[in-house]
């Protein structure tokens, strides 16, 4: 009937064919499972290798960044210390009375600004000192002229009893050498029995 065979297959042969087909399907499933397990193991190994590479790369980058950071920090500290030392020496010179100071140019703007202020302050202090010295010298010349013009002998003592000033008339009257008594006590000019 149609293209179908009507021949009957004995049950033993049919069981044999089913058993062979089952064995082939089972062997194919086992091969497929083994191939997939091998692919999974290979992917896991690749993932482990990639992860290990990334960890090593990140560790290397972190170490490199740490070294760069340390080097940068050391250079910055060196620059700051150099500028602080320079400004310290300028301030020490100024505190010693040397107002003609020059600050070295710095790579940090704030230090340059501070250096310019110190230089300006030095110029102003120098001008003030020169003005005060001239004023004091002029006052001292006037005082000397007044003391020397007095016809009477004059001896000026400090609070500690030390001779600060003696005019020429007093030197002649007391018979002492000029300026030999300055800085000495009363006994340098007079008779202790007086």
C-alpha atoms as a PDB file:
ATOM      1  CA  UNK A   1       0.000   0.000   0.000  1.00  0.00           C
ATOM      2  CA  UNK A   2       1.660   3.162  -1.005  1.00  0.00           C
ATOM      3  CA  UNK A   3       5.383   3.175  -0.368  1.00  0.00           C
ATOM      4  CA  UNK A   4       5.312   1.590   2.969  1.00  0.00           C
ATOM      5  CA  UNK A   5       6.674  -1.772   3.561  1.00  0.00           C
ATOM      6  CA  UNK A   6       4.363  -4.127   5.224  1.00  0.00           C
ATOM      7  CA  UNK A   7       7.045  -6.454   6.144  1.00  0.00           C
ATOM      8  CA  UNK A   8       7.188  -7.048   9.852  1.00  0.00           C
ATOM      9  CA  UNK A   9      10.390  -6.821  11.824  1.00  0.00           C
ATOM     10  CA  UNK A  10      10.991  -9.501  14.378  1.00  0.00           C
ATOM     11  CA  UNK A  11      10.985  -8.158  17.931  1.00  0.00           C
ATOM     12  CA  UNK A  12      14.592  -9.176  18.688  1.00  0.00           C
ATOM     13  CA  UNK A  13      15.927  -7.363  15.660  1.00  0.00           C
ATOM     14  CA  UNK A  14      13.810  -4.347  16.463  1.00  0.00           C
ATOM     15  CA  UNK A  15      15.146  -4.282  20.015  1.00  0.00           C
ATOM     16  CA  UNK A  16      18.675  -4.613  18.642  1.00  0.00           C
ATOM     17  CA  UNK A  17      18.163  -1.628  16.331  1.00  0.00           C
ATOM     18  CA  UNK A  18      16.658   0.467  19.124  1.00  0.00           C
ATOM     19  CA  UNK A  19      19.550  -0.495  21.404  1.00  0.00           C
ATOM     20  CA  UNK A  20      22.096   0.453  18.725  1.00  0.00           C
ATOM     21  CA  UNK A  21      20.355   3.785  18.087  1.00  0.00           C
ATOM     22  CA  UNK A  22      20.211   4.481  21.796  1.00  0.00           C
ATOM     23  CA  UNK A  23      23.932   3.692  22.161  1.00  0.00           C
ATOM     24  CA  UNK A  24      24.773   6.045  19.258  1.00  0.00           C
ATOM     25  CA  UNK A  25      22.625   8.843  20.754  1.00  0.00           C
ATOM     26  CA  UNK A  26      24.141   8.207  24.189  1.00  0.00           C
ATOM     27  CA  UNK A  27      27.728   8.265  22.770  1.00  0.00           C
ATOM     28  CA  UNK A  28      26.959  11.468  20.853  1.00  0.00           C
ATOM     29  CA  UNK A  29      25.521  13.074  24.025  1.00  0.00           C
ATOM     30  CA  UNK A  30      28.613  12.032  25.998  1.00  0.00           C
ATOM     31  CA  UNK A  31      30.907  13.452  23.286  1.00  0.00           C
ATOM     32  CA  UNK A  32      28.902  16.666  23.206  1.00  0.00           C
ATOM     33  CA  UNK A  33      29.012  16.908  27.025  1.00  0.00           C
ATOM     34  CA  UNK A  34      32.794  16.279  27.040  1.00  0.00           C
ATOM     35  CA  UNK A  35      33.315  18.910  24.306  1.00  0.00           C
ATOM     36  CA  UNK A  36      31.202  21.440  26.239  1.00  0.00           C
ATOM     37  CA  UNK A  37      33.052  20.635  29.508  1.00  0.00           C
ATOM     38  CA  UNK A  38      36.348  21.141  27.695  1.00  0.00           C
ATOM     39  CA  UNK A  39      35.113  24.477  26.338  1.00  0.00           C
ATOM     40  CA  UNK A  40      33.911  25.505  29.819  1.00  0.00           C
ATOM     41  CA  UNK A  41      37.264  24.519  31.396  1.00  0.00           C
ATOM     42  CA  UNK A  42      39.153  26.381  28.641  1.00  0.00           C
ATOM     43  CA  UNK A  43      36.950  29.488  29.156  1.00  0.00           C
ATOM     44  CA  UNK A  44      37.467  29.286  32.942  1.00  0.00           C
ATOM     45  CA  UNK A  45      41.249  28.987  32.464  1.00  0.00           C
ATOM     46  CA  UNK A  46      41.206  31.954  30.059  1.00  0.00           C
ATOM     47  CA  UNK A  47      39.137  33.965  32.538  1.00  0.00           C
ATOM     48  CA  UNK A  48      41.569  33.051  35.356  1.00  0.00           C
ATOM     49  CA  UNK A  49      44.547  34.032  33.192  1.00  0.00           C
ATOM     50  CA  UNK A  50      42.884  37.300  32.168  1.00  0.00           C
ATOM     51  CA  UNK A  51      41.956  38.076  35.776  1.00  0.00           C
ATOM     52  CA  UNK A  52      45.501  37.342  36.942  1.00  0.00           C
ATOM     53  CA  UNK A  53      46.901  39.535  34.135  1.00  0.00           C
ATOM     54  CA  UNK A  54      44.541  42.378  35.077  1.00  0.00           C
ATOM     55  CA  UNK A  55      45.433  42.081  38.780  1.00  0.00           C
ATOM     56  CA  UNK A  56      49.153  42.169  37.912  1.00  0.00           C
ATOM     57  CA  UNK A  57      48.609  45.087  35.529  1.00  0.00           C
ATOM     58  CA  UNK A  58      46.604  47.052  38.117  1.00  0.00           C
ATOM     59  CA  UNK A  59      49.213  46.265  40.772  1.00  0.00           C
ATOM     60  CA  UNK A  60      51.991  47.455  38.469  1.00  0.00           C
ATOM     61  CA  UNK A  61      50.051  50.626  37.615  1.00  0.00           C
ATOM     62  CA  UNK A  62      49.345  51.280  41.299  1.00  0.00           C
ATOM     63  CA  UNK A  63      53.035  50.827  42.140  1.00  0.00           C
ATOM     64  CA  UNK A  64      54.016  53.090  39.235  1.00  0.00           C
ATOM     65  CA  UNK A  65      51.527  55.761  40.367  1.00  0.00           C
ATOM     66  CA  UNK A  66      52.836  55.477  43.923  1.00  0.00           C
ATOM     67  CA  UNK A  67      56.423  55.969  42.705  1.00  0.00           C
ATOM     68  CA  UNK A  68      55.414  58.937  40.537  1.00  0.00           C
ATOM     69  CA  UNK A  69      53.498  60.411  43.475  1.00  0.00           C
ATOM     70  CA  UNK A  70      56.451  60.002  45.838  1.00  0.00           C
ATOM     71  CA  UNK A  71      58.882  61.499  43.318  1.00  0.00           C
ATOM     72  CA  UNK A  72      56.516  64.428  42.666  1.00  0.00           C
ATOM     73  CA  UNK A  73      56.004  64.978  46.386  1.00  0.00           C
ATOM     74  CA  UNK A  74      59.761  64.897  47.039  1.00  0.00           C
ATOM     75  CA  UNK A  75      60.397  67.428  44.258  1.00  0.00           C
ATOM     76  CA  UNK A  76      57.654  69.687  45.588  1.00  0.00           C
ATOM     77  CA  UNK A  77      59.001  69.427  49.133  1.00  0.00           C
ATOM     78  CA  UNK A  78      62.499  70.198  47.838  1.00  0.00           C
ATOM     79  CA  UNK A  79      61.259  73.262  45.946  1.00  0.00           C
ATOM     80  CA  UNK A  80      59.280  74.493  48.958  1.00  0.00           C
ATOM     81  CA  UNK A  81      62.199  73.875  51.350  1.00  0.00           C
ATOM     82  CA  UNK A  82      64.592  75.687  48.996  1.00  0.00           C
ATOM     83  CA  UNK A  83      62.283  78.688  48.864  1.00  0.00           C
ATOM     84  CA  UNK A  84      61.687  78.673  52.622  1.00  0.00           C
ATOM     85  CA  UNK A  85      65.462  78.521  53.196  1.00  0.00           C
ATOM     86  CA  UNK A  86      65.974  81.438  50.805  1.00  0.00           C
ATOM     87  CA  UNK A  87      63.288  83.531  52.503  1.00  0.00           C
ATOM     88  CA  UNK A  88      64.677  82.591  55.927  1.00  0.00           C
ATOM     89  CA  UNK A  89      68.151  83.801  54.943  1.00  0.00           C
ATOM     90  CA  UNK A  90      66.627  87.051  53.641  1.00  0.00           C
ATOM     91  CA  UNK A  91      64.773  87.595  56.927  1.00  0.00           C
ATOM     92  CA  UNK A  92      67.945  86.800  58.917  1.00  0.00           C
ATOM     93  CA  UNK A  93      69.893  89.383  56.883  1.00  0.00           C
ATOM     94  CA  UNK A  94      67.181  91.952  57.482  1.00  0.00           C
ATOM     95  CA  UNK A  95      67.082  91.224  61.220  1.00  0.00           C
ATOM     96  CA  UNK A  96      70.866  91.768  61.246  1.00  0.00           C
ATOM     97  CA  UNK A  97      70.413  95.228  59.744  1.00  0.00           C
ATOM     98  CA  UNK A  98      71.199  94.406  56.095  1.00  0.00           C
ATOM     99  CA  UNK A  99      68.142  95.750  54.295  1.00  0.00           C
ATOM    100  CA  UNK A 100      69.586  95.529  50.776  1.00  0.00           C
ATOM    101  CA  UNK A 101      68.136  92.068  50.053  1.00  0.00           C
ATOM    102  CA  UNK A 102      67.246  90.280  46.849  1.00  0.00           C
ATOM    103  CA  UNK A 103      65.044  87.172  46.787  1.00  0.00           C
ATOM    104  CA  UNK A 104      65.611  84.472  44.197  1.00  0.00           C
ATOM    105  CA  UNK A 105      62.788  83.800  41.769  1.00  0.00           C
ATOM    106  CA  UNK A 106      60.702  80.809  42.768  1.00  0.00           C
ATOM    107  CA  UNK A 107      58.594  78.392  40.802  1.00  0.00           C
ATOM    108  CA  UNK A 108      55.743  78.947  43.272  1.00  0.00           C
ATOM    109  CA  UNK A 109      53.909  82.226  42.719  1.00  0.00           C
ATOM    110  CA  UNK A 110      53.145  82.836  46.394  1.00  0.00           C
ATOM    111  CA  UNK A 111      56.851  82.650  47.300  1.00  0.00           C
ATOM    112  CA  UNK A 112      57.662  85.171  44.545  1.00  0.00           C
ATOM    113  CA  UNK A 113      55.017  87.502  45.940  1.00  0.00           C
ATOM    114  CA  UNK A 114      56.345  87.118  49.479  1.00  0.00           C
ATOM    115  CA  UNK A 115      59.903  87.726  48.217  1.00  0.00           C
ATOM    116  CA  UNK A 116      58.846  90.947  46.473  1.00  0.00           C
ATOM    117  CA  UNK A 117      57.155  92.133  49.684  1.00  0.00           C
ATOM    118  CA  UNK A 118      60.321  91.396  51.678  1.00  0.00           C
ATOM    119  CA  UNK A 119      62.449  93.302  49.146  1.00  0.00           C
ATOM    120  CA  UNK A 120      60.053  96.265  49.314  1.00  0.00           C
ATOM    121  CA  UNK A 121      60.062  96.168  53.112  1.00  0.00           C
ATOM    122  CA  UNK A 122      63.885  96.115  53.039  1.00  0.00           C
ATOM    123  CA  UNK A 123      63.989  99.209  50.848  1.00  0.00           C
ATOM    124  CA  UNK A 124      61.570 101.028  53.149  1.00  0.00           C
ATOM    125  CA  UNK A 125      63.511 100.024  56.279  1.00  0.00           C
ATOM    126  CA  UNK A 126      66.754 101.143  54.643  1.00  0.00           C
ATOM    127  CA  UNK A 127      65.240 104.518  53.819  1.00  0.00           C
ATOM    128  CA  UNK A 128      63.857 104.832  57.341  1.00  0.00           C
ATOM    129  CA  UNK A 129      67.200 103.858  58.880  1.00  0.00           C
ATOM    130  CA  UNK A 130      69.103 106.331  56.719  1.00  0.00           C
ATOM    131  CA  UNK A 131      66.620 109.070  57.604  1.00  0.00           C
ATOM    132  CA  UNK A 132      66.811 108.271  61.323  1.00  0.00           C
ATOM    133  CA  UNK A 133      70.607 108.049  61.280  1.00  0.00           C
ATOM    134  CA  UNK A 134      70.829 111.431  59.576  1.00  0.00           C
ATOM    135  CA  UNK A 135      68.392 112.908  62.093  1.00  0.00           C
ATOM    136  CA  UNK A 136      70.270 111.413  65.057  1.00  0.00           C
ATOM    137  CA  UNK A 137      73.630 112.577  63.683  1.00  0.00           C
ATOM    138  CA  UNK A 138      72.267 116.098  63.149  1.00  0.00           C
ATOM    139  CA  UNK A 139      70.851 116.101  66.686  1.00  0.00           C
ATOM    140  CA  UNK A 140      74.131 114.825  68.063  1.00  0.00           C
ATOM    141  CA  UNK A 141      76.066 117.565  66.204  1.00  0.00           C
ATOM    142  CA  UNK A 142      73.713 120.196  67.647  1.00  0.00           C
ATOM    143  CA  UNK A 143      74.074 118.755  71.154  1.00  0.00           C
ATOM    144  CA  UNK A 144      77.857 118.660  70.831  1.00  0.00           C
ATOM    145  CA  UNK A 145      77.906 122.248  69.565  1.00  0.00           C
ATOM    146  CA  UNK A 146      75.726 123.398  72.486  1.00  0.00           C
ATOM    147  CA  UNK A 147      77.802 121.519  75.076  1.00  0.00           C
ATOM    148  CA  UNK A 148      81.065 122.760  73.612  1.00  0.00           C
ATOM    149  CA  UNK A 149      79.812 126.365  73.551  1.00  0.00           C
ATOM    150  CA  UNK A 150      78.991 126.410  77.281  1.00  0.00           C
ATOM    151  CA  UNK A 151      81.609 128.330  79.275  1.00  0.00           C
ATOM    152  CA  UNK A 152      81.089 126.177  82.358  1.00  0.00           C
ATOM    153  CA  UNK A 153      82.388 122.660  82.873  1.00  0.00           C
ATOM    154  CA  UNK A 154      79.708 120.020  82.243  1.00  0.00           C
ATOM    155  CA  UNK A 155      79.778 116.274  83.044  1.00  0.00           C
ATOM    156  CA  UNK A 156      76.767 114.100  82.196  1.00  0.00           C
ATOM    157  CA  UNK A 157      76.318 110.765  84.020  1.00  0.00           C
ATOM    158  CA  UNK A 158      74.090 107.800  83.115  1.00  0.00           C
ATOM    159  CA  UNK A 159      71.603 106.223  85.528  1.00  0.00           C
ATOM    160  CA  UNK A 160      74.339 103.743  86.489  1.00  0.00           C
ATOM    161  CA  UNK A 161      76.779 106.544  87.424  1.00  0.00           C
ATOM    162  CA  UNK A 162      78.937 106.178  84.313  1.00  0.00           C
ATOM    163  CA  UNK A 163      80.209 109.261  82.477  1.00  0.00           C
ATOM    164  CA  UNK A 164      78.391 109.626  79.182  1.00  0.00           C
ATOM    165  CA  UNK A 165      79.573 113.110  78.152  1.00  0.00           C
ATOM    166  CA  UNK A 166      82.129 115.638  79.319  1.00  0.00           C
ATOM    167  CA  UNK A 167      82.769 118.969  77.609  1.00  0.00           C
ATOM    168  CA  UNK A 168      86.194 120.459  76.878  1.00  0.00           C
ATOM    169  CA  UNK A 169      85.886 123.074  79.673  1.00  0.00           C
ATOM    170  CA  UNK A 170      85.302 120.320  82.292  1.00  0.00           C
ATOM    171  CA  UNK A 171      88.220 118.297  80.914  1.00  0.00           C
ATOM    172  CA  UNK A 172      90.542 121.356  81.322  1.00  0.00           C
ATOM    173  CA  UNK A 173      89.178 122.199  84.761  1.00  0.00           C
ATOM    174  CA  UNK A 174      89.526 118.605  86.008  1.00  0.00           C
ATOM    175  CA  UNK A 175      92.830 117.996  84.257  1.00  0.00           C
ATOM    176  CA  UNK A 176      91.773 114.847  82.383  1.00  0.00           C
ATOM    177  CA  UNK A 177      92.635 113.772  78.887  1.00  0.00           C
ATOM    178  CA  UNK A 178      89.941 114.331  76.222  1.00  0.00           C
ATOM    179  CA  UNK A 179      87.502 111.399  76.059  1.00  0.00           C
ATOM    180  CA  UNK A 180      89.589 109.374  78.565  1.00  0.00           C
ATOM    181  CA  UNK A 181      86.763 109.390  81.098  1.00  0.00           C
ATOM    182  CA  UNK A 182      83.843 108.375  78.878  1.00  0.00           C
ATOM    183  CA  UNK A 183      82.354 105.122  80.133  1.00  0.00           C
ATOM    184  CA  UNK A 184      84.061 105.319  83.533  1.00  0.00           C
ATOM    185  CA  UNK A 185      82.738 106.253  86.955  1.00  0.00           C
ATOM    186  CA  UNK A 186      83.033 109.428  89.024  1.00  0.00           C
ATOM    187  CA  UNK A 187      86.434 108.404  90.389  1.00  0.00           C
ATOM    188  CA  UNK A 188      87.920 108.934  86.903  1.00  0.00           C
ATOM    189  CA  UNK A 189      87.434 112.702  87.154  1.00  0.00           C
ATOM    190  CA  UNK A 190      87.587 113.722  90.733  1.00  0.00           C
ATOM    191  CA  UNK A 191      89.186 113.362  94.013  1.00  0.00           C
ATOM    192  CA  UNK A 192      87.355 110.691  95.991  1.00  0.00           C
ATOM    193  CA  UNK A 193      87.695 112.768  99.159  1.00  0.00           C
ATOM    194  CA  UNK A 194      85.511 115.576  97.753  1.00  0.00           C
END
